[in-house]
N, C-alpha and C. Protein backbone atom coordinates (compact mmCIF):
# COMPACT_ATOMS: atom_id res chain seq x y z
N MET A 1 89.89 145.90 86.03
CA MET A 1 89.30 144.58 86.10
C MET A 1 90.13 143.72 87.07
N GLN A 2 89.49 143.17 88.07
CA GLN A 2 90.18 142.34 89.05
C GLN A 2 90.06 140.88 88.66
N ASN A 3 91.11 140.13 89.04
CA ASN A 3 91.06 138.68 88.80
C ASN A 3 90.14 138.04 89.82
N ALA A 4 89.39 137.05 89.37
CA ALA A 4 88.52 136.32 90.28
C ALA A 4 89.39 135.48 91.21
N PRO A 5 88.96 135.32 92.45
CA PRO A 5 89.76 134.49 93.36
C PRO A 5 89.82 133.05 92.85
N MET A 6 90.97 132.44 93.04
CA MET A 6 91.15 131.05 92.60
C MET A 6 90.58 130.13 93.66
N PRO A 7 90.02 129.01 93.23
CA PRO A 7 89.48 128.07 94.21
C PRO A 7 90.60 127.44 95.04
N ALA A 8 90.28 127.08 96.25
CA ALA A 8 91.21 126.39 97.14
C ALA A 8 90.85 124.91 97.18
N LEU A 9 91.86 124.07 97.31
CA LEU A 9 91.64 122.63 97.41
C LEU A 9 92.11 122.14 98.77
N THR A 10 91.41 121.19 99.31
CA THR A 10 91.83 120.51 100.53
C THR A 10 91.91 119.04 100.20
N ILE A 11 93.05 118.43 100.53
CA ILE A 11 93.22 117.01 100.28
C ILE A 11 93.40 116.33 101.63
N ARG A 12 92.52 115.40 101.91
CA ARG A 12 92.55 114.70 103.20
C ARG A 12 93.13 113.30 103.04
N ASP A 13 93.52 112.75 104.16
CA ASP A 13 93.95 111.34 104.24
C ASP A 13 95.17 111.03 103.39
N VAL A 14 96.14 111.94 103.39
CA VAL A 14 97.41 111.70 102.71
C VAL A 14 98.36 111.13 103.75
N SER A 15 99.04 110.05 103.41
CA SER A 15 99.92 109.40 104.38
C SER A 15 101.07 110.32 104.78
N ASP A 16 101.56 110.11 105.98
CA ASP A 16 102.70 110.88 106.48
C ASP A 16 103.90 110.71 105.56
N GLU A 17 104.10 109.48 105.07
CA GLU A 17 105.24 109.21 104.19
C GLU A 17 105.12 109.99 102.89
N ALA A 18 103.93 110.04 102.31
CA ALA A 18 103.73 110.78 101.06
C ALA A 18 104.00 112.27 101.28
N VAL A 19 103.52 112.80 102.38
CA VAL A 19 103.74 114.22 102.68
C VAL A 19 105.24 114.48 102.87
N ARG A 20 105.92 113.59 103.57
CA ARG A 20 107.36 113.75 103.80
C ARG A 20 108.12 113.76 102.46
N VAL A 21 107.79 112.84 101.57
CA VAL A 21 108.46 112.77 100.27
C VAL A 21 108.17 114.03 99.46
N LEU A 22 106.92 114.47 99.45
CA LEU A 22 106.56 115.67 98.69
C LEU A 22 107.25 116.91 99.24
N LYS A 23 107.37 117.01 100.55
CA LYS A 23 108.09 118.14 101.15
C LYS A 23 109.56 118.12 100.74
N MET A 24 110.16 116.93 100.71
CA MET A 24 111.57 116.82 100.29
C MET A 24 111.72 117.23 98.83
N ARG A 25 110.82 116.77 97.99
CA ARG A 25 110.90 117.11 96.56
C ARG A 25 110.70 118.61 96.35
N ALA A 26 109.79 119.19 97.10
CA ALA A 26 109.57 120.63 97.00
C ALA A 26 110.84 121.38 97.41
N ALA A 27 111.46 120.95 98.51
CA ALA A 27 112.68 121.61 98.99
C ALA A 27 113.80 121.47 97.95
N GLU A 28 113.93 120.27 97.37
CA GLU A 28 114.95 120.05 96.34
C GLU A 28 114.73 120.96 95.13
N ALA A 29 113.47 121.27 94.85
CA ALA A 29 113.13 122.16 93.72
C ALA A 29 113.19 123.62 94.13
N GLY A 30 113.51 123.88 95.41
CA GLY A 30 113.57 125.26 95.89
C GLY A 30 112.20 125.92 95.97
N GLN A 31 111.19 125.13 96.25
CA GLN A 31 109.82 125.63 96.28
C GLN A 31 109.16 125.28 97.61
N SER A 32 108.12 126.04 97.91
CA SER A 32 107.29 125.66 99.04
C SER A 32 106.46 124.45 98.63
N LEU A 33 105.93 123.74 99.60
CA LEU A 33 105.09 122.59 99.29
C LEU A 33 103.88 123.04 98.46
N GLN A 34 103.28 124.17 98.82
CA GLN A 34 102.12 124.66 98.09
C GLN A 34 102.47 124.95 96.63
N THR A 35 103.58 125.62 96.39
CA THR A 35 103.98 125.95 95.02
C THR A 35 104.29 124.68 94.23
N TYR A 36 104.98 123.74 94.88
CA TYR A 36 105.33 122.48 94.23
C TYR A 36 104.07 121.71 93.83
N LEU A 37 103.13 121.57 94.77
CA LEU A 37 101.90 120.84 94.47
C LEU A 37 101.05 121.55 93.42
N ARG A 38 101.02 122.88 93.49
CA ARG A 38 100.26 123.63 92.47
C ARG A 38 100.84 123.37 91.09
N SER A 39 102.18 123.34 90.97
CA SER A 39 102.78 123.08 89.66
C SER A 39 102.48 121.67 89.18
N LEU A 40 102.46 120.69 90.10
CA LEU A 40 102.10 119.32 89.71
C LEU A 40 100.66 119.26 89.19
N ILE A 41 99.76 119.92 89.89
CA ILE A 41 98.35 119.92 89.49
C ILE A 41 98.17 120.61 88.15
N GLU A 42 98.82 121.76 87.97
CA GLU A 42 98.69 122.50 86.70
C GLU A 42 99.27 121.69 85.55
N ARG A 43 100.41 121.04 85.76
CA ARG A 43 101.03 120.22 84.71
C ARG A 43 100.11 119.04 84.35
N GLU A 44 99.54 118.41 85.37
CA GLU A 44 98.62 117.28 85.13
C GLU A 44 97.38 117.74 84.36
N ALA A 45 96.89 118.91 84.68
CA ALA A 45 95.66 119.40 84.06
C ALA A 45 95.89 119.89 82.63
N THR A 46 97.11 120.28 82.29
CA THR A 46 97.35 120.84 80.96
C THR A 46 97.91 119.83 79.97
N GLY A 47 98.47 118.73 80.46
CA GLY A 47 99.03 117.72 79.55
C GLY A 47 97.99 116.69 79.17
N PRO A 48 98.32 115.90 78.16
CA PRO A 48 97.38 114.85 77.77
C PRO A 48 97.37 113.74 78.82
N PRO A 49 96.26 113.04 78.96
CA PRO A 49 96.23 111.89 79.87
C PRO A 49 97.27 110.86 79.43
N LEU A 50 97.79 110.10 80.37
CA LEU A 50 98.85 109.13 80.08
C LEU A 50 98.45 108.18 78.95
N ALA A 51 97.24 107.66 78.99
CA ALA A 51 96.81 106.72 77.96
C ALA A 51 96.85 107.37 76.57
N GLU A 52 96.47 108.64 76.50
CA GLU A 52 96.50 109.35 75.22
C GLU A 52 97.94 109.55 74.75
N ALA A 53 98.83 109.90 75.67
CA ALA A 53 100.23 110.10 75.32
C ALA A 53 100.85 108.80 74.83
N VAL A 54 100.53 107.69 75.48
CA VAL A 54 101.06 106.39 75.07
C VAL A 54 100.53 106.03 73.69
N GLU A 55 99.25 106.23 73.46
CA GLU A 55 98.67 105.92 72.16
C GLU A 55 99.30 106.79 71.06
N ARG A 56 99.51 108.06 71.35
CA ARG A 56 100.14 108.96 70.37
C ARG A 56 101.57 108.48 70.06
N ALA A 57 102.32 108.08 71.09
CA ALA A 57 103.67 107.58 70.88
C ALA A 57 103.65 106.30 70.06
N ARG A 58 102.69 105.45 70.36
CA ARG A 58 102.57 104.18 69.62
C ARG A 58 102.28 104.45 68.14
N ARG A 59 101.40 105.40 67.87
CA ARG A 59 101.05 105.75 66.48
C ARG A 59 102.24 106.34 65.74
N ASP A 60 103.03 107.16 66.46
CA ASP A 60 104.14 107.86 65.83
C ASP A 60 105.41 107.03 65.73
N ALA A 61 105.45 105.90 66.41
CA ALA A 61 106.65 105.08 66.41
C ALA A 61 106.92 104.50 65.02
N VAL A 62 108.18 104.48 64.68
CA VAL A 62 108.58 103.91 63.39
C VAL A 62 108.98 102.46 63.63
N SER A 63 108.38 101.58 62.88
CA SER A 63 108.68 100.15 63.07
C SER A 63 109.06 99.48 61.76
N ASP A 64 109.78 100.21 60.91
CA ASP A 64 110.14 99.62 59.63
C ASP A 64 111.52 98.98 59.65
N ILE A 65 112.12 98.84 60.82
CA ILE A 65 113.40 98.15 60.95
C ILE A 65 113.11 96.67 61.15
N THR A 66 113.76 95.87 60.34
CA THR A 66 113.53 94.42 60.43
C THR A 66 114.62 93.76 61.26
N THR A 67 114.39 92.54 61.62
CA THR A 67 115.40 91.76 62.33
C THR A 67 116.65 91.63 61.47
N ALA A 68 116.46 91.46 60.18
CA ALA A 68 117.60 91.35 59.25
C ALA A 68 118.43 92.63 59.29
N ASP A 69 117.77 93.81 59.37
CA ASP A 69 118.49 95.08 59.46
C ASP A 69 119.36 95.13 60.72
N ILE A 70 118.81 94.67 61.82
CA ILE A 70 119.53 94.69 63.09
C ILE A 70 120.72 93.74 63.03
N LEU A 71 120.50 92.54 62.54
CA LEU A 71 121.59 91.58 62.45
C LEU A 71 122.68 92.06 61.50
N SER A 72 122.29 92.70 60.42
CA SER A 72 123.26 93.24 59.47
C SER A 72 124.10 94.35 60.12
N ALA A 73 123.46 95.21 60.90
CA ALA A 73 124.19 96.28 61.60
C ALA A 73 125.17 95.70 62.61
N ILE A 74 124.77 94.65 63.30
CA ILE A 74 125.67 93.99 64.25
C ILE A 74 126.86 93.39 63.52
N ASP A 75 126.59 92.69 62.39
CA ASP A 75 127.67 92.11 61.61
C ASP A 75 128.63 93.17 61.08
N ASP A 76 128.08 94.30 60.62
CA ASP A 76 128.92 95.40 60.11
C ASP A 76 129.83 95.94 61.21
N GLU A 77 129.30 96.10 62.40
CA GLU A 77 130.10 96.59 63.53
C GLU A 77 131.20 95.61 63.89
N ARG A 78 130.86 94.36 63.91
CA ARG A 78 131.86 93.32 64.26
C ARG A 78 132.97 93.28 63.19
N ALA A 79 132.61 93.44 61.94
CA ALA A 79 133.59 93.42 60.87
C ALA A 79 134.51 94.64 60.93
N GLY A 80 134.01 95.73 61.49
CA GLY A 80 134.80 96.96 61.57
C GLY A 80 135.80 96.97 62.71
N ARG A 81 135.79 95.99 63.58
CA ARG A 81 136.69 95.95 64.74
C ARG A 81 138.09 95.64 64.35
C-alpha cells in the first residue's frame, strides 16, 4: 500500500522581512525553511485554537485566594526577616 501524495501549498505576497525572519528561525532550529514551516502548520492544525485554549485556562484557573490571604502572606514574610 502506497501513501497518497501530500498536497502542496503556495503562499503568495509574504513580505521580504517576514521571509528573512522565518529563514533565520529555521536556521536557528537547524531546519530548512520548508521543514520549519511545515512544523508550524502541523502544530497550528493539531492544537486547539487560541480562543479555546484561553477559555480552557480561564475555566481551570483557581481563584480562591483572597486579598486578605495575599496581605497575610506578605505580613508573614516581613515578620520572618
